[in-house]
Amino acid sequence: MTIYTQAPASGGDPTSLVILLHGYGSNGQDLIGLAPYWTQDLPQTVFVAPDAPTSCDMGFGYQWFSLQSWAPLSLLAGAEKASAYLNGFIDELMEKYKLPAAKVALVGFSQGTMMSLYVGPRRREKLAGIVGYSGGLLGGEGLIGQSSISRPPIYLVHGEMDTVVPVGAFFHAKETLRQAGFDVTGHTTPGMPHTIDEQGIHEGGAFLKKVLA
């Protein structure tokens, strides 16, 4: 597995960590491309973007879980299986950089957002925050009324013309997470397809600066 890392712009030891999780059929190199946009606001942050653990069904890139079936239970089972890997990876990085959960944020795109929103709240120690681009919430109803979960602040961004993960996923995630007691902010972007735009990058960076301060 390849892991892409951008060291803190300050040149010193990191005081915070941002883990970037790519979408289906992509790789870590794709999302580490966000780091240069944020280093000015987060000069003491280390950015890490791993390749997902399995080769993609499509024959190129990597996947967190298979999309052979879009049945909700199938997606949920895939996220659950991949969560053990991702939790282990987060733990390893926290140990490596000697950082507490309160100084760790997750950023996901598409399937990476699904993983971030699945794993983040189910960790015992509350993370600093989660940024989710163009993704969805799997098993969110299971978070409502739970005392055993943590509730990091969440920022969601979604294009209104997304044909891969329709914008309805944004409203479902936002409403379900709010019912489960999360602080959820974010926006949808008119005319935007399944991608990340400059406004989303800017506002995601502002959110990270706030929660990692």
N, C-alpha and C. Protein backbone atom coordinates (compact mmCIF):
# COMPACT_ATOMS: atom_id res chain seq x y z
N MET A 1 0.84 -1.20 0.00
CA MET A 1 0.00 0.00 0.00
C MET A 1 0.87 1.25 0.00
N THR A 2 0.54 2.21 -0.82
CA THR A 2 1.29 3.46 -0.89
C THR A 2 0.61 4.51 -0.02
N ILE A 3 1.42 5.26 0.70
CA ILE A 3 0.93 6.35 1.55
C ILE A 3 1.62 7.63 1.10
N TYR A 4 0.82 8.64 0.81
CA TYR A 4 1.36 9.95 0.37
C TYR A 4 1.32 10.90 1.56
N THR A 5 2.44 11.59 1.79
CA THR A 5 2.55 12.46 2.96
C THR A 5 3.06 13.84 2.55
N GLN A 6 2.46 14.88 3.13
CA GLN A 6 3.02 16.23 3.01
C GLN A 6 3.37 16.72 4.41
N ALA A 7 4.65 16.94 4.65
CA ALA A 7 5.14 17.34 5.97
C ALA A 7 4.68 18.77 6.29
N PRO A 8 4.70 19.14 7.57
CA PRO A 8 4.30 20.50 7.95
C PRO A 8 5.13 21.57 7.23
N ALA A 9 4.46 22.61 6.76
CA ALA A 9 5.15 23.70 6.06
C ALA A 9 6.12 24.42 6.98
N SER A 10 5.87 24.36 8.30
CA SER A 10 6.73 25.04 9.27
C SER A 10 8.11 24.40 9.36
N GLY A 11 8.20 23.13 8.91
CA GLY A 11 9.47 22.43 9.00
C GLY A 11 9.69 21.72 10.34
N GLY A 12 8.80 22.00 11.29
CA GLY A 12 8.94 21.38 12.61
C GLY A 12 8.10 20.12 12.74
N ASP A 13 8.03 19.61 13.98
CA ASP A 13 7.18 18.46 14.24
C ASP A 13 5.71 18.88 14.14
N PRO A 14 4.84 18.01 13.62
CA PRO A 14 3.44 18.39 13.48
C PRO A 14 2.73 18.51 14.82
N THR A 15 1.83 19.48 14.90
CA THR A 15 0.97 19.61 16.08
C THR A 15 -0.44 19.14 15.76
N SER A 16 -0.70 18.80 14.49
CA SER A 16 -2.00 18.25 14.11
C SER A 16 -1.83 17.40 12.85
N LEU A 17 -2.86 16.59 12.58
CA LEU A 17 -2.82 15.60 11.50
C LEU A 17 -4.14 15.63 10.73
N VAL A 18 -4.03 15.68 9.40
CA VAL A 18 -5.21 15.56 8.54
C VAL A 18 -5.03 14.32 7.66
N ILE A 19 -5.98 13.38 7.77
CA ILE A 19 -5.95 12.15 6.98
C ILE A 19 -6.97 12.27 5.85
N LEU A 20 -6.50 12.11 4.62
CA LEU A 20 -7.34 12.32 3.43
C LEU A 20 -7.67 10.97 2.79
N LEU A 21 -8.96 10.72 2.61
CA LEU A 21 -9.44 9.42 2.11
C LEU A 21 -10.08 9.59 0.74
N HIS A 22 -9.48 8.96 -0.26
CA HIS A 22 -9.91 9.13 -1.65
C HIS A 22 -11.18 8.37 -1.98
N GLY A 23 -11.70 8.62 -3.16
CA GLY A 23 -12.91 7.97 -3.63
C GLY A 23 -12.63 6.66 -4.36
N TYR A 24 -13.71 6.01 -4.74
CA TYR A 24 -13.68 4.71 -5.42
C TYR A 24 -12.94 4.82 -6.76
N GLY A 25 -11.97 3.92 -6.97
CA GLY A 25 -11.24 3.90 -8.24
C GLY A 25 -10.13 4.93 -8.34
N SER A 26 -9.84 5.61 -7.24
CA SER A 26 -8.79 6.63 -7.24
C SER A 26 -7.62 6.14 -6.38
N ASN A 27 -6.81 7.08 -5.89
CA ASN A 27 -5.70 6.71 -5.01
C ASN A 27 -5.33 7.90 -4.12
N GLY A 28 -4.40 7.63 -3.19
CA GLY A 28 -4.02 8.67 -2.23
C GLY A 28 -3.39 9.89 -2.87
N GLN A 29 -2.73 9.68 -3.99
CA GLN A 29 -2.06 10.79 -4.67
C GLN A 29 -3.08 11.85 -5.11
N ASP A 30 -4.27 11.39 -5.44
CA ASP A 30 -5.33 12.30 -5.87
C ASP A 30 -5.68 13.30 -4.76
N LEU A 31 -5.91 12.79 -3.54
CA LEU A 31 -6.36 13.68 -2.47
C LEU A 31 -5.25 14.43 -1.77
N ILE A 32 -4.01 13.94 -1.81
CA ILE A 32 -2.92 14.70 -1.19
C ILE A 32 -2.75 16.02 -1.93
N GLY A 33 -3.33 16.11 -3.13
CA GLY A 33 -3.34 17.36 -3.90
C GLY A 33 -4.08 18.49 -3.23
N LEU A 34 -4.90 18.17 -2.21
CA LEU A 34 -5.59 19.23 -1.46
C LEU A 34 -4.65 19.92 -0.47
N ALA A 35 -3.64 19.19 -0.01
CA ALA A 35 -2.77 19.71 1.06
C ALA A 35 -2.15 21.08 0.75
N PRO A 36 -1.60 21.29 -0.46
CA PRO A 36 -0.98 22.60 -0.72
C PRO A 36 -1.93 23.79 -0.57
N TYR A 37 -3.23 23.55 -0.77
CA TYR A 37 -4.20 24.64 -0.61
C TYR A 37 -4.35 25.03 0.87
N TRP A 38 -4.02 24.14 1.76
CA TRP A 38 -4.31 24.33 3.19
C TRP A 38 -3.09 24.58 4.05
N THR A 39 -1.88 24.42 3.48
CA THR A 39 -0.68 24.52 4.33
C THR A 39 -0.47 25.92 4.90
N GLN A 40 -0.93 26.95 4.19
CA GLN A 40 -0.73 28.31 4.71
C GLN A 40 -1.52 28.52 6.00
N ASP A 41 -2.76 28.00 6.02
CA ASP A 41 -3.59 28.11 7.22
C ASP A 41 -3.23 27.08 8.28
N LEU A 42 -2.59 25.99 7.85
CA LEU A 42 -2.26 24.89 8.77
C LEU A 42 -0.77 24.53 8.65
N PRO A 43 0.11 25.48 8.99
CA PRO A 43 1.55 25.28 8.76
C PRO A 43 2.18 24.19 9.61
N GLN A 44 1.52 23.82 10.71
CA GLN A 44 2.09 22.80 11.61
C GLN A 44 1.36 21.46 11.48
N THR A 45 0.61 21.30 10.39
CA THR A 45 -0.16 20.08 10.17
C THR A 45 0.56 19.16 9.19
N VAL A 46 0.56 17.86 9.50
CA VAL A 46 1.03 16.86 8.55
C VAL A 46 -0.20 16.27 7.84
N PHE A 47 -0.12 16.16 6.53
CA PHE A 47 -1.21 15.63 5.72
C PHE A 47 -0.82 14.23 5.21
N VAL A 48 -1.71 13.27 5.39
CA VAL A 48 -1.41 11.90 4.99
C VAL A 48 -2.59 11.33 4.19
N ALA A 49 -2.30 10.79 3.00
CA ALA A 49 -3.35 10.22 2.14
C ALA A 49 -2.94 8.81 1.70
N PRO A 50 -3.57 7.79 2.29
CA PRO A 50 -3.23 6.41 1.91
C PRO A 50 -4.02 5.94 0.69
N ASP A 51 -3.47 4.98 -0.04
CA ASP A 51 -4.29 4.22 -0.99
C ASP A 51 -5.24 3.34 -0.17
N ALA A 52 -6.46 3.18 -0.63
CA ALA A 52 -7.40 2.25 0.03
C ALA A 52 -6.83 0.83 -0.04
N PRO A 53 -7.30 -0.06 0.82
CA PRO A 53 -6.62 -1.36 0.99
C PRO A 53 -6.79 -2.38 -0.14
N THR A 54 -7.79 -2.23 -0.99
CA THR A 54 -7.97 -3.25 -2.03
C THR A 54 -8.02 -2.62 -3.42
N SER A 55 -7.58 -3.39 -4.42
CA SER A 55 -7.66 -2.93 -5.80
C SER A 55 -9.12 -2.80 -6.21
N CYS A 56 -9.39 -1.82 -7.05
CA CYS A 56 -10.76 -1.50 -7.41
C CYS A 56 -11.37 -2.54 -8.36
N ASP A 57 -12.65 -2.82 -8.17
CA ASP A 57 -13.40 -3.74 -9.04
C ASP A 57 -13.30 -3.35 -10.52
N MET A 58 -13.15 -2.04 -10.75
CA MET A 58 -13.16 -1.54 -12.13
C MET A 58 -11.87 -1.86 -12.87
N GLY A 59 -10.84 -2.30 -12.14
CA GLY A 59 -9.58 -2.65 -12.80
C GLY A 59 -8.52 -1.58 -12.73
N PHE A 60 -8.86 -0.42 -12.16
CA PHE A 60 -7.84 0.62 -11.95
C PHE A 60 -8.12 1.33 -10.63
N GLY A 61 -7.06 1.81 -9.99
CA GLY A 61 -7.21 2.50 -8.72
C GLY A 61 -7.54 1.55 -7.59
N TYR A 62 -8.03 2.13 -6.48
CA TYR A 62 -8.27 1.37 -5.26
C TYR A 62 -9.67 1.66 -4.72
N GLN A 63 -10.12 0.78 -3.83
CA GLN A 63 -11.45 0.95 -3.24
C GLN A 63 -11.40 0.63 -1.75
N TRP A 64 -12.25 1.31 -0.98
CA TRP A 64 -12.42 0.99 0.44
C TRP A 64 -13.31 -0.25 0.57
N PHE A 65 -14.28 -0.35 -0.34
CA PHE A 65 -15.13 -1.54 -0.39
C PHE A 65 -15.75 -1.63 -1.79
N SER A 66 -16.25 -2.81 -2.11
CA SER A 66 -16.79 -3.07 -3.44
C SER A 66 -18.10 -2.31 -3.67
N LEU A 67 -18.31 -1.90 -4.92
CA LEU A 67 -19.59 -1.29 -5.30
C LEU A 67 -20.32 -2.17 -6.32
N GLN A 68 -20.04 -3.48 -6.27
CA GLN A 68 -20.75 -4.41 -7.16
C GLN A 68 -22.24 -4.37 -6.87
N SER A 69 -22.57 -4.15 -5.60
CA SER A 69 -23.98 -3.98 -5.22
C SER A 69 -24.14 -2.65 -4.49
N TRP A 70 -25.17 -1.89 -4.88
CA TRP A 70 -25.47 -0.63 -4.20
C TRP A 70 -26.56 -0.80 -3.14
N ALA A 71 -26.92 -2.06 -2.84
CA ALA A 71 -27.91 -2.31 -1.79
C ALA A 71 -27.37 -1.76 -0.47
N PRO A 72 -28.19 -1.01 0.28
CA PRO A 72 -27.71 -0.37 1.51
C PRO A 72 -27.00 -1.31 2.47
N LEU A 73 -27.52 -2.54 2.65
CA LEU A 73 -26.88 -3.47 3.57
C LEU A 73 -25.52 -3.92 3.06
N SER A 74 -25.39 -4.03 1.76
CA SER A 74 -24.11 -4.41 1.16
C SER A 74 -23.06 -3.31 1.36
N LEU A 75 -23.47 -2.06 1.14
CA LEU A 75 -22.56 -0.92 1.35
C LEU A 75 -22.15 -0.83 2.82
N LEU A 76 -23.12 -1.03 3.69
CA LEU A 76 -22.85 -0.95 5.13
C LEU A 76 -21.86 -2.03 5.56
N ALA A 77 -22.06 -3.25 5.05
CA ALA A 77 -21.14 -4.35 5.37
C ALA A 77 -19.73 -4.06 4.86
N GLY A 78 -19.64 -3.44 3.67
CA GLY A 78 -18.34 -3.07 3.12
C GLY A 78 -17.63 -2.04 3.97
N ALA A 79 -18.38 -1.03 4.42
CA ALA A 79 -17.79 0.01 5.26
C ALA A 79 -17.35 -0.56 6.61
N GLU A 80 -18.16 -1.44 7.14
CA GLU A 80 -17.84 -2.07 8.43
C GLU A 80 -16.54 -2.88 8.33
N LYS A 81 -16.42 -3.64 7.24
CA LYS A 81 -15.22 -4.45 7.06
C LYS A 81 -13.97 -3.57 6.91
N ALA A 82 -14.09 -2.50 6.13
CA ALA A 82 -12.94 -1.61 5.90
C ALA A 82 -12.61 -0.76 7.13
N SER A 83 -13.58 -0.63 8.04
CA SER A 83 -13.36 0.24 9.20
C SER A 83 -12.24 -0.27 10.12
N ALA A 84 -12.08 -1.59 10.18
CA ALA A 84 -11.01 -2.15 11.03
C ALA A 84 -9.65 -1.70 10.51
N TYR A 85 -9.50 -1.73 9.19
CA TYR A 85 -8.25 -1.28 8.57
C TYR A 85 -8.04 0.22 8.85
N LEU A 86 -9.07 1.02 8.60
CA LEU A 86 -8.92 2.47 8.75
C LEU A 86 -8.65 2.86 10.20
N ASN A 87 -9.34 2.23 11.13
CA ASN A 87 -9.09 2.53 12.55
C ASN A 87 -7.65 2.21 12.94
N GLY A 88 -7.16 1.09 12.44
CA GLY A 88 -5.77 0.72 12.71
C GLY A 88 -4.79 1.73 12.14
N PHE A 89 -5.11 2.22 10.95
CA PHE A 89 -4.25 3.21 10.28
C PHE A 89 -4.24 4.52 11.08
N ILE A 90 -5.41 4.97 11.52
CA ILE A 90 -5.50 6.20 12.33
C ILE A 90 -4.70 6.04 13.62
N ASP A 91 -4.86 4.90 14.28
CA ASP A 91 -4.12 4.64 15.53
C ASP A 91 -2.61 4.68 15.30
N GLU A 92 -2.17 4.07 14.21
CA GLU A 92 -0.73 4.05 13.89
C GLU A 92 -0.18 5.46 13.70
N LEU A 93 -0.92 6.29 12.97
CA LEU A 93 -0.46 7.66 12.72
C LEU A 93 -0.45 8.49 14.00
N MET A 94 -1.46 8.32 14.85
CA MET A 94 -1.49 9.05 16.13
C MET A 94 -0.29 8.67 16.99
N GLU A 95 0.06 7.39 16.96
CA GLU A 95 1.23 6.91 17.71
C GLU A 95 2.52 7.46 17.10
N LYS A 96 2.60 7.40 15.76
CA LYS A 96 3.81 7.85 15.07
C LYS A 96 4.10 9.32 15.34
N TYR A 97 3.05 10.15 15.28
CA TYR A 97 3.25 11.60 15.43
C TYR A 97 2.98 12.09 16.85
N LYS A 98 2.66 11.14 17.75
CA LYS A 98 2.40 11.47 19.17
C LYS A 98 1.33 12.56 19.29
N LEU A 99 0.20 12.34 18.63
CA LEU A 99 -0.88 13.32 18.63
C LEU A 99 -2.16 12.71 19.22
N PRO A 100 -2.92 13.50 20.00
CA PRO A 100 -4.19 13.02 20.53
C PRO A 100 -5.30 13.11 19.49
N ALA A 101 -6.40 12.42 19.74
CA ALA A 101 -7.54 12.43 18.81
C ALA A 101 -8.02 13.86 18.52
N ALA A 102 -7.94 14.73 19.52
CA ALA A 102 -8.42 16.10 19.37
C ALA A 102 -7.61 16.93 18.37
N LYS A 103 -6.49 16.37 17.90
CA LYS A 103 -5.66 17.05 16.92
C LYS A 103 -5.64 16.30 15.58
N VAL A 104 -6.65 15.45 15.37
CA VAL A 104 -6.73 14.64 14.15
C VAL A 104 -8.05 14.91 13.44
N ALA A 105 -7.98 15.21 12.14
CA ALA A 105 -9.19 15.41 11.34
C ALA A 105 -9.19 14.45 10.15
N LEU A 106 -10.38 14.06 9.72
CA LEU A 106 -10.54 13.24 8.52
C LEU A 106 -11.14 14.08 7.41
N VAL A 107 -10.64 13.91 6.20
CA VAL A 107 -11.21 14.54 5.02
C VAL A 107 -11.46 13.44 3.98
N GLY A 108 -12.70 13.36 3.50
CA GLY A 108 -13.01 12.33 2.52
C GLY A 108 -13.64 12.89 1.26
N PHE A 109 -13.46 12.15 0.17
CA PHE A 109 -14.19 12.45 -1.06
C PHE A 109 -14.95 11.20 -1.49
N SER A 110 -16.25 11.33 -1.73
CA SER A 110 -17.08 10.25 -2.25
C SER A 110 -17.04 9.03 -1.31
N GLN A 111 -16.48 7.91 -1.76
CA GLN A 111 -16.41 6.73 -0.89
C GLN A 111 -15.54 7.01 0.34
N GLY A 112 -14.55 7.89 0.19
CA GLY A 112 -13.74 8.29 1.34
C GLY A 112 -14.55 9.05 2.38
N THR A 113 -15.56 9.81 1.92
CA THR A 113 -16.47 10.48 2.85
C THR A 113 -17.32 9.45 3.58
N MET A 114 -17.81 8.45 2.85
CA MET A 114 -18.59 7.38 3.50
C MET A 114 -17.79 6.71 4.60
N MET A 115 -16.50 6.47 4.33
CA MET A 115 -15.64 5.86 5.35
C MET A 115 -15.40 6.81 6.53
N SER A 116 -15.16 8.07 6.24
CA SER A 116 -14.93 9.06 7.30
C SER A 116 -16.13 9.17 8.23
N LEU A 117 -17.33 9.22 7.63
CA LEU A 117 -18.55 9.38 8.42
C LEU A 117 -18.94 8.10 9.14
N TYR A 118 -18.44 6.96 8.65
CA TYR A 118 -18.72 5.70 9.33
C TYR A 118 -17.77 5.51 10.51
N VAL A 119 -16.48 5.74 10.27
CA VAL A 119 -15.46 5.45 11.27
C VAL A 119 -15.36 6.55 12.34
N GLY A 120 -15.35 7.81 11.92
CA GLY A 120 -15.13 8.92 12.85
C GLY A 120 -16.02 8.89 14.09
N PRO A 121 -17.35 8.85 13.92
CA PRO A 121 -18.24 8.87 15.08
C PRO A 121 -18.15 7.63 15.96
N ARG A 122 -17.69 6.52 15.39
CA ARG A 122 -17.65 5.26 16.15
C ARG A 122 -16.33 5.08 16.91
N ARG A 123 -15.44 6.05 16.79
CA ARG A 123 -14.21 6.00 17.59
C ARG A 123 -14.52 6.52 19.00
N ARG A 124 -13.87 5.88 19.97
CA ARG A 124 -14.15 6.21 21.38
C ARG A 124 -13.75 7.64 21.71
N GLU A 125 -12.56 8.03 21.23
CA GLU A 125 -12.08 9.39 21.49
C GLU A 125 -12.49 10.31 20.36
N LYS A 126 -13.01 11.46 20.71
CA LYS A 126 -13.55 12.39 19.72
C LYS A 126 -12.45 13.01 18.86
N LEU A 127 -12.57 12.86 17.55
CA LEU A 127 -11.64 13.50 16.63
C LEU A 127 -11.94 15.00 16.55
N ALA A 128 -10.99 15.76 15.99
CA ALA A 128 -11.16 17.22 15.88
C ALA A 128 -12.32 17.58 14.95
N GLY A 129 -12.47 16.81 13.86
CA GLY A 129 -13.53 17.12 12.91
C GLY A 129 -13.45 16.25 11.67
N ILE A 130 -14.50 16.33 10.85
CA ILE A 130 -14.59 15.57 9.61
C ILE A 130 -15.08 16.50 8.50
N VAL A 131 -14.37 16.48 7.37
CA VAL A 131 -14.84 17.18 6.16
C VAL A 131 -15.23 16.12 5.15
N GLY A 132 -16.45 16.19 4.63
CA GLY A 132 -16.92 15.21 3.66
C GLY A 132 -17.37 15.85 2.37
N TYR A 133 -16.66 15.52 1.28
CA TYR A 133 -17.03 16.02 -0.04
C TYR A 133 -17.78 14.94 -0.83
N SER A 134 -18.93 15.28 -1.37
CA SER A 134 -19.64 14.46 -2.36
C SER A 134 -19.83 13.01 -1.93
N GLY A 135 -20.19 12.81 -0.66
CA GLY A 135 -20.34 11.46 -0.15
C GLY A 135 -21.70 11.17 0.41
N GLY A 136 -21.76 10.23 1.34
CA GLY A 136 -23.02 9.85 1.95
C GLY A 136 -22.77 9.21 3.30
N LEU A 137 -23.85 9.03 4.04
CA LEU A 137 -23.80 8.47 5.39
C LEU A 137 -24.37 7.06 5.36
N LEU A 138 -23.55 6.06 5.74
CA LEU A 138 -23.99 4.67 5.80
C LEU A 138 -24.26 4.28 7.25
N GLY A 139 -25.41 3.67 7.50
CA GLY A 139 -25.73 3.22 8.85
C GLY A 139 -25.93 4.35 9.84
N GLY A 140 -26.30 5.51 9.35
CA GLY A 140 -26.43 6.68 10.21
C GLY A 140 -27.52 6.57 11.25
N GLU A 141 -28.59 5.85 10.91
CA GLU A 141 -29.70 5.70 11.86
C GLU A 141 -29.23 5.01 13.14
N GLY A 142 -28.19 4.19 13.00
CA GLY A 142 -27.62 3.50 14.16
C GLY A 142 -26.90 4.41 15.14
N LEU A 143 -26.67 5.66 14.74
CA LEU A 143 -26.00 6.62 15.62
C LEU A 143 -26.98 7.35 16.53
N ILE A 144 -28.26 7.36 16.13
CA ILE A 144 -29.26 8.13 16.88
C ILE A 144 -29.52 7.48 18.23
N GLY A 145 -29.41 8.30 19.27
CA GLY A 145 -29.67 7.81 20.62
C GLY A 145 -28.54 6.99 21.23
N GLN A 146 -27.39 6.94 20.56
CA GLN A 146 -26.26 6.15 21.07
C GLN A 146 -25.43 6.97 22.05
N SER A 147 -25.12 6.37 23.19
CA SER A 147 -24.27 7.06 24.16
C SER A 147 -22.80 6.68 23.98
N SER A 148 -22.54 5.61 23.22
CA SER A 148 -21.17 5.09 23.13
C SER A 148 -20.36 5.71 21.99
N ILE A 149 -20.95 6.64 21.24
CA ILE A 149 -20.23 7.23 20.11
C ILE A 149 -19.63 8.58 20.51
N SER A 150 -18.69 9.06 19.69
CA SER A 150 -18.16 10.41 19.86
C SER A 150 -18.81 11.28 18.78
N ARG A 151 -18.82 12.57 18.98
CA ARG A 151 -19.54 13.45 18.05
C ARG A 151 -18.65 14.61 17.58
N PRO A 152 -17.70 14.33 16.69
CA PRO A 152 -16.87 15.41 16.15
C PRO A 152 -17.71 16.34 15.27
N PRO A 153 -17.35 17.62 15.18
CA PRO A 153 -18.03 18.51 14.24
C PRO A 153 -17.79 18.05 12.81
N ILE A 154 -18.79 18.28 11.95
CA ILE A 154 -18.74 17.77 10.58
C ILE A 154 -19.08 18.88 9.60
N TYR A 155 -18.31 18.94 8.51
CA TYR A 155 -18.57 19.90 7.43
C TYR A 155 -18.78 19.13 6.13
N LEU A 156 -19.95 19.29 5.51
CA LEU A 156 -20.29 18.55 4.29
C LEU A 156 -20.45 19.49 3.10
N VAL A 157 -19.93 19.06 1.95
CA VAL A 157 -20.04 19.82 0.70
C VAL A 157 -20.51 18.87 -0.41
N HIS A 158 -21.44 19.33 -1.24
CA HIS A 158 -21.97 18.45 -2.29
C HIS A 158 -22.42 19.28 -3.49
N GLY A 159 -22.16 18.79 -4.68
CA GLY A 159 -22.63 19.44 -5.90
C GLY A 159 -24.08 19.07 -6.19
N GLU A 160 -24.86 20.05 -6.59
CA GLU A 160 -26.28 19.82 -6.84
C GLU A 160 -26.53 19.05 -8.13
N MET A 161 -25.50 18.97 -9.00
CA MET A 161 -25.64 18.21 -10.25
C MET A 161 -24.81 16.92 -10.22
N ASP A 162 -24.58 16.41 -9.02
CA ASP A 162 -23.81 15.17 -8.85
C ASP A 162 -24.66 13.99 -9.33
N THR A 163 -24.19 13.29 -10.36
CA THR A 163 -24.92 12.12 -10.88
C THR A 163 -24.35 10.81 -10.34
N VAL A 164 -23.22 10.88 -9.62
CA VAL A 164 -22.59 9.67 -9.05
C VAL A 164 -23.18 9.39 -7.66
N VAL A 165 -23.09 10.39 -6.79
CA VAL A 165 -23.76 10.33 -5.48
C VAL A 165 -24.71 11.52 -5.45
N PRO A 166 -25.99 11.30 -5.76
CA PRO A 166 -26.93 12.42 -5.87
C PRO A 166 -27.00 13.27 -4.61
N VAL A 167 -27.34 14.53 -4.79
CA VAL A 167 -27.29 15.51 -3.71
C VAL A 167 -28.24 15.15 -2.57
N GLY A 168 -29.20 14.29 -2.81
CA GLY A 168 -30.06 13.82 -1.73
C GLY A 168 -29.28 13.20 -0.59
N ALA A 169 -28.11 12.62 -0.92
CA ALA A 169 -27.26 12.01 0.12
C ALA A 169 -26.76 13.06 1.11
N PHE A 170 -26.54 14.28 0.63
CA PHE A 170 -26.12 15.39 1.50
C PHE A 170 -27.20 15.68 2.54
N PHE A 171 -28.45 15.81 2.06
CA PHE A 171 -29.55 16.17 2.96
C PHE A 171 -29.86 15.04 3.94
N HIS A 172 -29.75 13.81 3.47
CA HIS A 172 -29.96 12.66 4.36
C HIS A 172 -28.90 12.63 5.45
N ALA A 173 -27.64 12.82 5.07
CA ALA A 173 -26.55 12.79 6.05
C ALA A 173 -26.70 13.91 7.07
N LYS A 174 -26.98 15.11 6.57
CA LYS A 174 -27.07 16.27 7.44
C LYS A 174 -28.19 16.09 8.47
N GLU A 175 -29.36 15.67 7.99
CA GLU A 175 -30.52 15.53 8.87
C GLU A 175 -30.31 14.39 9.88
N THR A 176 -29.80 13.25 9.41
CA THR A 176 -29.60 12.10 10.30
C THR A 176 -28.56 12.40 11.36
N LEU A 177 -27.45 13.03 10.95
CA LEU A 177 -26.41 13.38 11.92
C LEU A 177 -26.90 14.39 12.94
N ARG A 178 -27.71 15.34 12.49
CA ARG A 178 -28.26 16.32 13.44
C ARG A 178 -29.18 15.64 14.46
N GLN A 179 -29.98 14.68 13.97
CA GLN A 179 -30.86 13.92 14.89
C GLN A 179 -30.03 13.14 15.90
N ALA A 180 -28.81 12.75 15.50
CA ALA A 180 -27.93 11.98 16.39
C ALA A 180 -27.08 12.89 17.28
N GLY A 181 -27.31 14.20 17.20
CA GLY A 181 -26.65 15.13 18.12
C GLY A 181 -25.34 15.74 17.64
N PHE A 182 -25.09 15.64 16.33
CA PHE A 182 -23.85 16.19 15.77
C PHE A 182 -24.03 17.66 15.36
N ASP A 183 -22.94 18.39 15.43
CA ASP A 183 -22.88 19.75 14.88
C ASP A 183 -22.48 19.62 13.42
N VAL A 184 -23.42 19.82 12.51
CA VAL A 184 -23.17 19.64 11.07
C VAL A 184 -23.39 20.95 10.33
N THR A 185 -22.38 21.38 9.58
CA THR A 185 -22.50 22.56 8.73
C THR A 185 -22.09 22.17 7.32
N GLY A 186 -22.17 23.12 6.39
CA GLY A 186 -21.77 22.84 5.02
C GLY A 186 -22.70 23.47 4.01
N HIS A 187 -22.55 23.09 2.75
CA HIS A 187 -23.35 23.69 1.69
C HIS A 187 -23.42 22.79 0.47
N THR A 188 -24.42 23.05 -0.36
CA THR A 188 -24.47 22.44 -1.69
C THR A 188 -24.13 23.52 -2.71
N THR A 189 -23.56 23.09 -3.84
CA THR A 189 -23.11 24.04 -4.86
C THR A 189 -23.92 23.86 -6.14
N PRO A 190 -24.68 24.90 -6.56
CA PRO A 190 -25.48 24.80 -7.78
C PRO A 190 -24.61 24.48 -9.00
N GLY A 191 -25.09 23.57 -9.82
CA GLY A 191 -24.42 23.27 -11.09
C GLY A 191 -23.18 22.41 -10.99
N MET A 192 -22.75 22.06 -9.76
CA MET A 192 -21.50 21.32 -9.62
C MET A 192 -21.74 19.81 -9.71
N PRO A 193 -20.92 19.09 -10.53
CA PRO A 193 -21.03 17.63 -10.60
C PRO A 193 -20.25 16.95 -9.47
N HIS A 194 -19.81 15.71 -9.68
CA HIS A 194 -19.14 14.91 -8.65
C HIS A 194 -17.66 15.30 -8.58
N THR A 195 -17.39 16.38 -7.86
CA THR A 195 -16.03 16.91 -7.80
C THR A 195 -15.88 17.80 -6.58
N ILE A 196 -14.70 18.40 -6.42
CA ILE A 196 -14.45 19.38 -5.37
C ILE A 196 -14.08 20.69 -6.05
N ASP A 197 -14.77 21.77 -5.70
CA ASP A 197 -14.46 23.06 -6.34
C ASP A 197 -13.70 23.98 -5.39
N GLU A 198 -13.34 25.15 -5.88
CA GLU A 198 -12.51 26.07 -5.09
C GLU A 198 -13.21 26.54 -3.82
N GLN A 199 -14.51 26.79 -3.92
CA GLN A 199 -15.26 27.22 -2.73
C GLN A 199 -15.22 26.12 -1.67
N GLY A 200 -15.40 24.88 -2.11
CA GLY A 200 -15.37 23.76 -1.17
C GLY A 200 -14.01 23.59 -0.52
N ILE A 201 -12.96 23.77 -1.31
CA ILE A 201 -11.60 23.68 -0.77
C ILE A 201 -11.37 24.79 0.26
N HIS A 202 -11.78 26.00 -0.09
CA HIS A 202 -11.57 27.16 0.79
C HIS A 202 -12.32 26.97 2.11
N GLU A 203 -13.59 26.58 2.02
CA GLU A 203 -14.40 26.48 3.23
C GLU A 203 -14.02 25.25 4.06
N GLY A 204 -13.62 24.17 3.38
CA GLY A 204 -13.12 23.01 4.10
C GLY A 204 -11.86 23.35 4.89
N GLY A 205 -10.99 24.16 4.27
CA GLY A 205 -9.76 24.60 4.93
C GLY A 205 -10.04 25.48 6.13
N ALA A 206 -11.03 26.38 6.00
CA ALA A 206 -11.40 27.26 7.11
C ALA A 206 -11.94 26.44 8.28
N PHE A 207 -12.72 25.40 7.96
CA PHE A 207 -13.26 24.51 9.01
C PHE A 207 -12.11 23.78 9.71
N LEU A 208 -11.16 23.25 8.93
CA LEU A 208 -10.02 22.53 9.53
C LEU A 208 -9.20 23.45 10.42
N LYS A 209 -8.99 24.67 9.97
CA LYS A 209 -8.20 25.64 10.77
C LYS A 209 -8.88 25.87 12.12
N LYS A 210 -10.20 25.97 12.09
CA LYS A 210 -10.97 26.22 13.32
C LYS A 210 -10.91 25.02 14.28
N VAL A 211 -11.15 23.82 13.75
CA VAL A 211 -11.25 22.66 14.67
C VAL A 211 -9.88 22.16 15.14
N LEU A 212 -8.83 22.47 14.38
CA LEU A 212 -7.49 22.02 14.77
C LEU A 212 -6.71 23.08 15.56
N ALA A 213 -7.32 24.24 15.75
CA ALA A 213 -6.63 25.35 16.45
C ALA A 213 -6.28 24.96 17.88
